[in-house]
Amino acid sequence: MSLIKEFKSFAMRGNVIDLAVAVIIGGAFGKIVASFVADIIMPPIGLLIGGVNFTDLKWEMKAAEVIDGVEKAAVTLNYGNFLQVTFDFLIIAFAIFMAIKGLNSLQKKEEAAPEIPAPPPAPSKEELLLTEIRDLLKEKK
């Protein structure tokens, strides 16, 4: 039973829950960026280089063949898909870089803003009386 209690306390800690939320949001963000790259960025680039769809780019190392009525698929090196994923990664990395840079600049602004110290409180009656007594004692010497 103690193992279950330990796991429950571990799972309910704030940082574990925050991490789970971050992973879920990161997965959704990755899908958005993948769609952005595949559907918005790559078509114009493909059009500029002659109407090529990057995901269709491949090098056929061995052609498809039919042996005894069984079709064997071609052996291909799909470098276009690799290019697509590389663009996805670069855009995600840049977006994360910009987000962290923005957070760091906000933290620097908070640190740079000097806090105006509160004026010291006025001395109490006892402190004033003790100060007068000290000054009188100094005068007698």
Protein backbone atom coordinates (compact mmCIF):
# COMPACT_ATOMS: atom_id res chain seq x y z
CA MET A 1 0.00 0.00 0.00
CA SER A 2 2.83 2.44 0.70
CA LEU A 3 4.03 2.14 -2.89
CA ILE A 4 0.61 3.30 -4.13
CA LYS A 5 0.65 6.23 -1.68
CA GLU A 6 4.15 7.20 -2.82
CA PHE A 7 3.11 7.08 -6.46
CA LYS A 8 0.00 9.15 -5.74
CA SER A 9 2.03 11.83 -3.96
CA PHE A 10 4.55 11.81 -6.83
CA ALA A 11 1.87 12.07 -9.53
CA MET A 12 0.01 14.84 -7.74
CA ARG A 13 3.02 17.09 -7.38
CA GLY A 14 2.66 20.28 -9.35
CA ASN A 15 5.73 19.81 -11.53
CA VAL A 16 4.62 16.38 -12.77
CA ILE A 17 1.20 17.72 -13.73
CA ASP A 18 2.82 20.75 -15.39
CA LEU A 19 5.08 18.41 -17.36
CA ALA A 20 2.11 16.33 -18.52
CA VAL A 21 0.29 19.46 -19.69
CA ALA A 22 3.44 20.63 -21.49
CA VAL A 23 3.79 17.30 -23.32
CA ILE A 24 0.15 17.39 -24.45
CA ILE A 25 0.39 21.01 -25.62
CA GLY A 26 3.75 20.26 -27.29
CA GLY A 27 2.21 17.37 -29.23
CA ALA A 28 -0.65 19.55 -30.43
CA PHE A 29 1.80 22.34 -31.33
CA GLY A 30 3.88 19.86 -33.32
CA LYS A 31 0.85 18.85 -35.36
CA ILE A 32 0.03 22.50 -36.07
CA VAL A 33 3.58 23.20 -37.21
CA ALA A 34 3.68 20.04 -39.34
CA SER A 35 0.48 21.12 -41.06
CA PHE A 36 1.82 24.66 -41.48
CA VAL A 37 4.98 23.37 -43.14
CA ALA A 38 3.31 20.71 -45.28
CA ASP A 39 0.26 22.73 -46.36
CA ILE A 40 1.47 26.35 -46.43
CA ILE A 41 5.27 26.57 -46.69
CA MET A 42 6.23 23.62 -48.87
CA PRO A 43 3.74 24.07 -51.76
CA PRO A 44 5.10 27.52 -52.75
CA ILE A 45 8.68 26.26 -52.42
CA GLY A 46 7.78 23.25 -54.56
CA LEU A 47 6.16 25.57 -57.11
CA LEU A 48 9.30 27.72 -57.23
CA ILE A 49 11.48 24.71 -58.00
CA GLY A 50 9.21 23.36 -60.72
CA GLY A 51 6.01 22.08 -59.13
CA VAL A 52 7.68 19.41 -57.01
CA ASN A 53 5.90 17.97 -53.97
CA PHE A 54 8.67 17.36 -51.46
CA THR A 55 7.05 14.29 -49.91
CA ASP A 56 7.06 12.65 -53.35
CA LEU A 57 10.81 13.11 -53.86
CA LYS A 58 12.60 9.77 -53.76
CA TRP A 59 15.43 7.90 -55.33
CA GLU A 60 14.41 4.53 -56.68
CA MET A 61 17.20 2.12 -55.87
CA LYS A 62 15.45 -0.94 -57.27
CA ALA A 63 12.36 -0.92 -59.47
CA ALA A 64 9.19 -2.77 -58.53
CA GLU A 65 8.95 -6.21 -60.06
CA VAL A 66 6.51 -9.07 -60.37
CA ILE A 67 7.88 -12.51 -59.58
CA ASP A 68 5.58 -15.54 -59.97
CA GLY A 69 2.53 -13.28 -59.84
CA VAL A 70 3.63 -11.60 -56.63
CA GLU A 71 4.42 -7.91 -56.90
CA LYS A 72 7.46 -6.77 -54.95
CA ALA A 73 7.51 -3.09 -54.10
CA ALA A 74 10.25 -0.81 -55.30
CA VAL A 75 13.12 -0.05 -52.96
CA THR A 76 13.27 3.72 -52.57
CA LEU A 77 15.18 6.28 -50.58
CA ASN A 78 12.55 8.86 -49.55
CA TYR A 79 14.67 11.97 -49.11
CA GLY A 80 11.72 14.29 -49.76
CA ASN A 81 9.99 13.14 -46.59
CA PHE A 82 13.26 13.75 -44.74
CA LEU A 83 13.36 17.32 -46.09
CA GLN A 84 9.76 17.82 -44.98
CA VAL A 85 10.50 16.65 -41.43
CA THR A 86 13.67 18.76 -41.32
CA PHE A 87 11.66 21.89 -42.20
CA ASP A 88 9.15 20.94 -39.48
CA PHE A 89 11.95 20.64 -36.95
CA LEU A 90 13.55 23.96 -37.92
CA ILE A 91 10.27 25.83 -37.62
CA ILE A 92 9.43 24.21 -34.26
CA ALA A 93 12.94 24.92 -32.96
CA PHE A 94 12.71 28.55 -34.10
CA ALA A 95 9.28 28.98 -32.48
CA ILE A 96 10.57 27.54 -29.19
CA PHE A 97 13.66 29.76 -29.41
CA MET A 98 11.51 32.86 -29.88
CA ALA A 99 9.21 31.88 -26.99
CA ILE A 100 12.14 31.33 -24.62
CA LYS A 101 13.79 34.54 -25.78
CA GLY A 102 10.55 36.41 -25.04
CA LEU A 103 10.28 34.86 -21.58
CA ASN A 104 13.91 35.71 -20.81
CA SER A 105 13.41 39.33 -21.85
CA LEU A 106 10.35 39.58 -19.60
CA GLN A 107 12.35 38.20 -16.68
CA LYS A 108 15.17 40.68 -17.35
CA LYS A 109 12.69 43.57 -17.34
CA GLU A 110 11.32 42.41 -14.00
CA GLU A 111 14.84 42.14 -12.57
CA ALA A 112 15.93 45.46 -14.06
CA ALA A 113 13.02 47.41 -12.60
CA PRO A 114 14.47 48.63 -9.30
CA GLU A 115 12.13 48.48 -6.42
CA ILE A 116 11.74 51.78 -4.64
CA PRO A 117 12.53 51.07 -1.03
CA ALA A 118 9.87 52.06 1.43
CA PRO A 119 10.87 54.96 3.62
CA PRO A 120 12.00 53.86 7.03
CA PRO A 121 9.33 54.10 9.67
CA ALA A 122 9.39 57.12 11.94
CA PRO A 123 11.17 56.47 15.22
CA SER A 124 8.93 55.54 18.12
CA LYS A 125 8.60 57.70 21.23
CA GLU A 126 10.94 55.39 23.12
CA GLU A 127 13.60 55.71 20.42
CA LEU A 128 13.29 59.50 20.44
CA LEU A 129 13.62 59.56 24.23
CA LEU A 130 16.66 57.26 24.13
CA THR A 131 18.25 59.46 21.48
CA GLU A 132 17.75 62.56 23.65
CA ILE A 133 19.26 60.78 26.66
CA ARG A 134 22.28 59.69 24.57
CA ASP A 135 22.80 63.25 23.30
CA LEU A 136 22.57 64.66 26.86
CA LEU A 137 25.11 62.14 28.11
CA LYS A 138 27.52 63.10 25.30
CA GLU A 139 27.18 66.78 26.25
CA LYS A 140 28.11 66.07 29.91
CA LYS A 141 31.40 64.42 28.95
